[in-house]
Amino acid sequence: MYFESSRLRSVPNVVHGFGSRSDPVPTP
């Protein structure tokens, strides 16, 4: 499971994600 920012999602060419303790780097 990971989270994204709706604001950053709207920025062109910025791929991002917030991981968790059990999954620190989002799978994608």
PDB file of all heavy atoms in Angstrom:
ATOM      1  N   MET A   1       0.837  -1.175   0.000  1.00  0.00           N
ATOM      2  CA  MET A   1       0.000   0.000   0.000  1.00  0.00           C
ATOM      3  C   MET A   1       0.885   1.243   0.000  1.00  0.00           C
ATOM      4  O   MET A   1       1.883   1.298   0.695  1.00  0.00           O
ATOM      5  CB  MET A   1      -0.877   0.000   1.256  1.00  0.00           C
ATOM      6  CG  MET A   1      -1.623   1.272   1.458  1.00  0.00           C
ATOM      7  SD  MET A   1      -2.474   1.297   3.036  1.00  0.00           S
ATOM      8  CE  MET A   1      -4.120   1.475   2.474  1.00  0.00           C
ATOM      9  N   TYR A   2       0.520   2.208  -0.834  1.00  0.00           N
ATOM     10  CA  TYR A   2       1.249   3.469  -0.805  1.00  0.00           C
ATOM     11  C   TYR A   2       0.279   4.612  -1.083  1.00  0.00           C
ATOM     12  O   TYR A   2      -0.842   4.415  -1.509  1.00  0.00           O
ATOM     13  CB  TYR A   2       2.422   3.459  -1.789  1.00  0.00           C
ATOM     14  CG  TYR A   2       2.081   3.670  -3.233  1.00  0.00           C
ATOM     15  CD1 TYR A   2       2.264   4.913  -3.817  1.00  0.00           C
ATOM     16  CD2 TYR A   2       1.614   2.640  -4.028  1.00  0.00           C
ATOM     17  CE1 TYR A   2       1.978   5.118  -5.148  1.00  0.00           C
ATOM     18  CE2 TYR A   2       1.333   2.836  -5.364  1.00  0.00           C
ATOM     19  CZ  TYR A   2       1.520   4.073  -5.918  1.00  0.00           C
ATOM     20  OH  TYR A   2       1.236   4.284  -7.233  1.00  0.00           O
ATOM     21  N   PHE A   3       0.770   5.804  -0.807  1.00  0.00           N
ATOM     22  CA  PHE A   3      -0.074   6.986  -0.900  1.00  0.00           C
ATOM     23  C   PHE A   3       0.537   7.968  -1.887  1.00  0.00           C
ATOM     24  O   PHE A   3       1.745   8.014  -2.059  1.00  0.00           O
ATOM     25  CB  PHE A   3      -0.196   7.657   0.475  1.00  0.00           C
ATOM     26  CG  PHE A   3      -0.664   6.720   1.533  1.00  0.00           C
ATOM     27  CD1 PHE A   3       0.239   6.044   2.327  1.00  0.00           C
ATOM     28  CD2 PHE A   3      -2.015   6.502   1.715  1.00  0.00           C
ATOM     29  CE1 PHE A   3      -0.187   5.160   3.305  1.00  0.00           C
ATOM     30  CE2 PHE A   3      -2.457   5.614   2.690  1.00  0.00           C
ATOM     31  CZ  PHE A   3      -1.544   4.948   3.488  1.00  0.00           C
ATOM     32  N   GLU A   4      -0.323   8.770  -2.505  1.00  0.00           N
ATOM     33  CA  GLU A   4       0.116   9.827  -3.404  1.00  0.00           C
ATOM     34  C   GLU A   4      -0.495  11.150  -2.954  1.00  0.00           C
ATOM     35  O   GLU A   4      -1.523  11.167  -2.288  1.00  0.00           O
ATOM     36  CB  GLU A   4      -0.356   9.567  -4.835  1.00  0.00           C
ATOM     37  CG  GLU A   4       0.337   8.435  -5.527  1.00  0.00           C
ATOM     38  CD  GLU A   4      -0.138   8.309  -6.970  1.00  0.00           C
ATOM     39  OE1 GLU A   4      -1.332   8.559  -7.238  1.00  0.00           O
ATOM     40  OE2 GLU A   4       0.689   7.977  -7.805  1.00  0.00           O
ATOM     41  N   SER A   5       0.133  12.228  -3.365  1.00  0.00           N
ATOM     42  CA  SER A   5      -0.398  13.564  -3.132  1.00  0.00           C
ATOM     43  C   SER A   5      -1.184  13.979  -4.367  1.00  0.00           C
ATOM     44  O   SER A   5      -0.664  13.921  -5.490  1.00  0.00           O
ATOM     45  CB  SER A   5       0.749  14.545  -2.893  1.00  0.00           C
ATOM     46  OG  SER A   5       0.335  15.863  -3.118  1.00  0.00           O
ATOM     47  N   SER A   6      -2.413  14.428  -4.176  1.00  0.00           N
ATOM     48  CA  SER A   6      -3.203  14.879  -5.326  1.00  0.00           C
ATOM     49  C   SER A   6      -2.561  16.103  -5.978  1.00  0.00           C
ATOM     50  O   SER A   6      -2.635  16.281  -7.190  1.00  0.00           O
ATOM     51  CB  SER A   6      -4.640  15.187  -4.910  1.00  0.00           C
ATOM     52  OG  SER A   6      -4.672  16.187  -3.915  1.00  0.00           O
ATOM     53  N   ARG A   7      -1.918  16.924  -5.197  1.00  0.00           N
ATOM     54  CA  ARG A   7      -1.244  18.112  -5.769  1.00  0.00           C
ATOM     55  C   ARG A   7      -0.042  17.710  -6.610  1.00  0.00           C
ATOM     56  O   ARG A   7       0.149  18.215  -7.704  1.00  0.00           O
ATOM     57  CB  ARG A   7      -0.813  19.070  -4.672  1.00  0.00           C
ATOM     58  CG  ARG A   7      -1.982  19.794  -4.075  1.00  0.00           C
ATOM     59  CD  ARG A   7      -1.507  20.899  -3.218  1.00  0.00           C
ATOM     60  NE  ARG A   7      -2.508  21.948  -3.263  1.00  0.00           N
ATOM     61  CZ  ARG A   7      -2.414  23.050  -2.607  1.00  0.00           C
ATOM     62  NH1 ARG A   7      -1.351  23.281  -1.877  1.00  0.00           N
ATOM     63  NH2 ARG A   7      -3.361  23.950  -2.683  1.00  0.00           N
ATOM     64  N   LEU A   8       0.785  16.804  -6.089  1.00  0.00           N
ATOM     65  CA  LEU A   8       1.951  16.381  -6.865  1.00  0.00           C
ATOM     66  C   LEU A   8       1.543  15.551  -8.076  1.00  0.00           C
ATOM     67  O   LEU A   8       2.218  15.565  -9.095  1.00  0.00           O
ATOM     68  CB  LEU A   8       2.928  15.588  -5.989  1.00  0.00           C
ATOM     69  CG  LEU A   8       3.718  16.404  -4.977  1.00  0.00           C
ATOM     70  CD1 LEU A   8       4.547  15.486  -4.085  1.00  0.00           C
ATOM     71  CD2 LEU A   8       4.619  17.412  -5.670  1.00  0.00           C
ATOM     72  N   ARG A   9       0.441  14.831  -7.979  1.00  0.00           N
ATOM     73  CA  ARG A   9      -0.046  14.037  -9.102  1.00  0.00           C
ATOM     74  C   ARG A   9      -0.367  14.934 -10.302  1.00  0.00           C
ATOM     75  O   ARG A   9      -0.276  14.505 -11.442  1.00  0.00           O
ATOM     76  CB  ARG A   9      -1.288  13.242  -8.691  1.00  0.00           C
ATOM     77  CG  ARG A   9      -1.647  12.141  -9.662  1.00  0.00           C
ATOM     78  CD  ARG A   9      -2.864  11.325  -9.263  1.00  0.00           C
ATOM     79  NE  ARG A   9      -2.863  10.924  -7.870  1.00  0.00           N
ATOM     80  CZ  ARG A   9      -3.867  11.177  -7.022  1.00  0.00           C
ATOM     81  NH1 ARG A   9      -4.938  11.825  -7.409  1.00  0.00           N
ATOM     82  NH2 ARG A   9      -3.795  10.772  -5.771  1.00  0.00           N
ATOM     83  N   SER A  10      -0.711  16.194 -10.041  1.00  0.00           N
ATOM     84  CA  SER A  10      -1.068  17.104 -11.131  1.00  0.00           C
ATOM     85  C   SER A  10       0.148  17.771 -11.774  1.00  0.00           C
ATOM     86  O   SER A  10       0.009  18.463 -12.783  1.00  0.00           O
ATOM     87  CB  SER A  10      -2.027  18.179 -10.625  1.00  0.00           C
ATOM     88  OG  SER A  10      -1.361  19.053  -9.723  1.00  0.00           O
ATOM     89  N   VAL A  11       1.329  17.557 -11.234  1.00  0.00           N
ATOM     90  CA  VAL A  11       2.547  18.163 -11.786  1.00  0.00           C
ATOM     91  C   VAL A  11       3.101  17.255 -12.881  1.00  0.00           C
ATOM     92  O   VAL A  11       3.306  16.066 -12.654  1.00  0.00           O
ATOM     93  CB  VAL A  11       3.606  18.378 -10.684  1.00  0.00           C
ATOM     94  CG1 VAL A  11       4.888  18.954 -11.267  1.00  0.00           C
ATOM     95  CG2 VAL A  11       3.065  19.279  -9.590  1.00  0.00           C
ATOM     96  N   PRO A  12       3.341  17.813 -14.088  1.00  0.00           N
ATOM     97  CA  PRO A  12       3.838  16.977 -15.184  1.00  0.00           C
ATOM     98  C   PRO A  12       5.200  16.356 -14.865  1.00  0.00           C
ATOM     99  O   PRO A  12       6.058  16.991 -14.276  1.00  0.00           O
ATOM    100  CB  PRO A  12       3.943  17.939 -16.372  1.00  0.00           C
ATOM    101  CG  PRO A  12       3.741  19.306 -15.844  1.00  0.00           C
ATOM    102  CD  PRO A  12       3.202  19.207 -14.457  1.00  0.00           C
ATOM    103  N   ASN A  13       5.360  15.113 -15.266  1.00  0.00           N
ATOM    104  CA  ASN A  13       6.623  14.367 -15.158  1.00  0.00           C
ATOM    105  C   ASN A  13       7.093  14.100 -13.739  1.00  0.00           C
ATOM    106  O   ASN A  13       8.255  13.785 -13.531  1.00  0.00           O
ATOM    107  CB  ASN A  13       7.731  15.071 -15.948  1.00  0.00           C
ATOM    108  CG  ASN A  13       7.369  15.233 -17.398  1.00  0.00           C
ATOM    109  OD1 ASN A  13       6.889  14.300 -18.035  1.00  0.00           O
ATOM    110  ND2 ASN A  13       7.548  16.432 -17.927  1.00  0.00           N
ATOM    111  N   VAL A  14       6.229  14.250 -12.743  1.00  0.00           N
ATOM    112  CA  VAL A  14       6.613  13.941 -11.370  1.00  0.00           C
ATOM    113  C   VAL A  14       5.883  12.673 -10.939  1.00  0.00           C
ATOM    114  O   VAL A  14       4.670  12.662 -10.774  1.00  0.00           O
ATOM    115  CB  VAL A  14       6.295  15.104 -10.404  1.00  0.00           C
ATOM    116  CG1 VAL A  14       6.551  14.685  -8.958  1.00  0.00           C
ATOM    117  CG2 VAL A  14       7.142  16.312 -10.756  1.00  0.00           C
ATOM    118  N   VAL A  15       6.647  11.605 -10.805  1.00  0.00           N
ATOM    119  CA  VAL A  15       6.120  10.336 -10.320  1.00  0.00           C
ATOM    120  C   VAL A  15       6.546  10.242  -8.869  1.00  0.00           C
ATOM    121  O   VAL A  15       7.715  10.438  -8.535  1.00  0.00           O
ATOM    122  CB  VAL A  15       6.698   9.156 -11.131  1.00  0.00           C
ATOM    123  CG1 VAL A  15       6.185   7.834 -10.604  1.00  0.00           C
ATOM    124  CG2 VAL A  15       6.385   9.323 -12.600  1.00  0.00           C
ATOM    125  N   HIS A  16       5.613   9.972  -7.981  1.00  0.00           N
ATOM    126  CA  HIS A  16       5.946   9.987  -6.568  1.00  0.00           C
ATOM    127  C   HIS A  16       5.082   8.993  -5.805  1.00  0.00           C
ATOM    128  O   HIS A  16       4.105   8.469  -6.333  1.00  0.00           O
ATOM    129  CB  HIS A  16       5.745  11.389  -5.983  1.00  0.00           C
ATOM    130  CG  HIS A  16       4.292  11.711  -5.823  1.00  0.00           C
ATOM    131  ND1 HIS A  16       3.496  12.028  -6.889  1.00  0.00           N
ATOM    132  CD2 HIS A  16       3.487  11.702  -4.730  1.00  0.00           C
ATOM    133  CE1 HIS A  16       2.264  12.227  -6.459  1.00  0.00           C
ATOM    134  NE2 HIS A  16       2.231  12.040  -5.146  1.00  0.00           N
ATOM    135  N   GLY A  17       5.457   8.763  -4.579  1.00  0.00           N
ATOM    136  CA  GLY A  17       4.663   7.920  -3.705  1.00  0.00           C
ATOM    137  C   GLY A  17       5.231   7.944  -2.302  1.00  0.00           C
ATOM    138  O   GLY A  17       6.417   8.189  -2.104  1.00  0.00           O
ATOM    139  N   PHE A  18       4.362   7.729  -1.334  1.00  0.00           N
ATOM    140  CA  PHE A  18       4.762   7.635   0.059  1.00  0.00           C
ATOM    141  C   PHE A  18       4.611   6.184   0.462  1.00  0.00           C
ATOM    142  O   PHE A  18       3.530   5.617   0.336  1.00  0.00           O
ATOM    143  CB  PHE A  18       3.858   8.506   0.948  1.00  0.00           C
ATOM    144  CG  PHE A  18       3.991   9.976   0.690  1.00  0.00           C
ATOM    145  CD1 PHE A  18       3.215  10.603  -0.263  1.00  0.00           C
ATOM    146  CD2 PHE A  18       4.908  10.736   1.405  1.00  0.00           C
ATOM    147  CE1 PHE A  18       3.323  11.963  -0.509  1.00  0.00           C
ATOM    148  CE2 PHE A  18       5.028  12.100   1.170  1.00  0.00           C
ATOM    149  CZ  PHE A  18       4.237  12.712   0.216  1.00  0.00           C
ATOM    150  N   GLY A  19       5.678   5.587   0.928  1.00  0.00           N
ATOM    151  CA  GLY A  19       5.637   4.200   1.353  1.00  0.00           C
ATOM    152  C   GLY A  19       5.206   4.091   2.806  1.00  0.00           C
ATOM    153  O   GLY A  19       4.764   5.051   3.426  1.00  0.00           O
ATOM    154  N   SER A  20       5.369   2.899   3.333  1.00  0.00           N
ATOM    155  CA  SER A  20       5.024   2.633   4.726  1.00  0.00           C
ATOM    156  C   SER A  20       6.170   1.851   5.359  1.00  0.00           C
ATOM    157  O   SER A  20       7.123   1.464   4.678  1.00  0.00           O
ATOM    158  CB  SER A  20       3.739   1.816   4.806  1.00  0.00           C
ATOM    159  OG  SER A  20       3.945   0.548   4.211  1.00  0.00           O
ATOM    160  N   ARG A  21       6.066   1.591   6.628  1.00  0.00           N
ATOM    161  CA  ARG A  21       7.123   0.836   7.312  1.00  0.00           C
ATOM    162  C   ARG A  21       7.293  -0.544   6.682  1.00  0.00           C
ATOM    163  O   ARG A  21       8.406  -1.003   6.474  1.00  0.00           O
ATOM    164  CB  ARG A  21       6.786   0.710   8.789  1.00  0.00           C
ATOM    165  CG  ARG A  21       7.861   0.008   9.558  1.00  0.00           C
ATOM    166  CD  ARG A  21       7.543  -0.029  11.024  1.00  0.00           C
ATOM    167  NE  ARG A  21       8.686  -0.554  11.738  1.00  0.00           N
ATOM    168  CZ  ARG A  21       8.703  -0.752  13.023  1.00  0.00           C
ATOM    169  NH1 ARG A  21       7.653  -0.463  13.747  1.00  0.00           N
ATOM    170  NH2 ARG A  21       9.772  -1.219  13.606  1.00  0.00           N
ATOM    171  N   SER A  22       6.182  -1.198   6.360  1.00  0.00           N
ATOM    172  CA  SER A  22       6.269  -2.540   5.790  1.00  0.00           C
ATOM    173  C   SER A  22       6.580  -2.533   4.296  1.00  0.00           C
ATOM    174  O   SER A  22       7.032  -3.530   3.755  1.00  0.00           O
ATOM    175  CB  SER A  22       4.969  -3.306   6.044  1.00  0.00           C
ATOM    176  OG  SER A  22       3.894  -2.630   5.421  1.00  0.00           O
ATOM    177  N   ASP A  23       6.353  -1.437   3.628  1.00  0.00           N
ATOM    178  CA  ASP A  23       6.601  -1.314   2.189  1.00  0.00           C
ATOM    179  C   ASP A  23       7.197   0.072   1.927  1.00  0.00           C
ATOM    180  O   ASP A  23       6.535   0.967   1.412  1.00  0.00           O
ATOM    181  CB  ASP A  23       5.272  -1.487   1.434  1.00  0.00           C
ATOM    182  CG  ASP A  23       5.452  -1.605  -0.072  1.00  0.00           C
ATOM    183  OD1 ASP A  23       6.579  -1.883  -0.529  1.00  0.00           O
ATOM    184  OD2 ASP A  23       4.454  -1.419  -0.787  1.00  0.00           O
ATOM    185  N   PRO A  24       8.483   0.283   2.308  1.00  0.00           N
ATOM    186  CA  PRO A  24       9.050   1.636   2.273  1.00  0.00           C
ATOM    187  C   PRO A  24       9.146   2.262   0.890  1.00  0.00           C
ATOM    188  O   PRO A  24       9.012   3.472   0.755  1.00  0.00           O
ATOM    189  CB  PRO A  24      10.434   1.473   2.897  1.00  0.00           C
ATOM    190  CG  PRO A  24      10.708   0.020   2.902  1.00  0.00           C
ATOM    191  CD  PRO A  24       9.408  -0.700   2.823  1.00  0.00           C
ATOM    192  N   VAL A  25       9.377   1.460  -0.129  1.00  0.00           N
ATOM    193  CA  VAL A  25       9.401   1.990  -1.494  1.00  0.00           C
ATOM    194  C   VAL A  25       8.186   1.413  -2.209  1.00  0.00           C
ATOM    195  O   VAL A  25       8.073   0.204  -2.379  1.00  0.00           O
ATOM    196  CB  VAL A  25      10.694   1.607  -2.238  1.00  0.00           C
ATOM    197  CG1 VAL A  25      10.664   2.139  -3.665  1.00  0.00           C
ATOM    198  CG2 VAL A  25      11.919   2.126  -1.503  1.00  0.00           C
ATOM    199  N   PRO A  26       7.257   2.267  -2.614  1.00  0.00           N
ATOM    200  CA  PRO A  26       6.055   1.779  -3.278  1.00  0.00           C
ATOM    201  C   PRO A  26       6.395   0.871  -4.466  1.00  0.00           C
ATOM    202  O   PRO A  26       7.295   1.184  -5.261  1.00  0.00           O
ATOM    203  CB  PRO A  26       5.351   3.050  -3.734  1.00  0.00           C
ATOM    204  CG  PRO A  26       5.825   4.089  -2.756  1.00  0.00           C
ATOM    205  CD  PRO A  26       7.251   3.719  -2.465  1.00  0.00           C
ATOM    206  N   THR A  27       5.704  -0.225  -4.593  1.00  0.00           N
ATOM    207  CA  THR A  27       5.973  -1.219  -5.628  1.00  0.00           C
ATOM    208  C   THR A  27       6.096  -0.626  -7.028  1.00  0.00           C
ATOM    209  O   THR A  27       7.027  -0.978  -7.752  1.00  0.00           O
ATOM    210  CB  THR A  27       4.899  -2.322  -5.593  1.00  0.00           C
ATOM    211  OG1 THR A  27       4.907  -2.900  -4.279  1.00  0.00           O
ATOM    212  CG2 THR A  27       5.175  -3.399  -6.617  1.00  0.00           C
ATOM    213  N   PRO A  28       5.224   0.301  -7.453  1.00  0.00           N
ATOM    214  CA  PRO A  28       5.380   0.850  -8.809  1.00  0.00           C
ATOM    215  C   PRO A  28       6.689   1.620  -9.016  1.00  0.00           C
ATOM    216  O   PRO A  28       7.113   1.836 -10.137  1.00  0.00           O
ATOM    217  CB  PRO A  28       4.189   1.803  -8.960  1.00  0.00           C
ATOM    218  CG  PRO A  28       3.205   1.379  -7.928  1.00  0.00           C
ATOM    219  CD  PRO A  28       4.010   0.799  -6.806  1.00  0.00           C
TER     220      PRO A  28
END
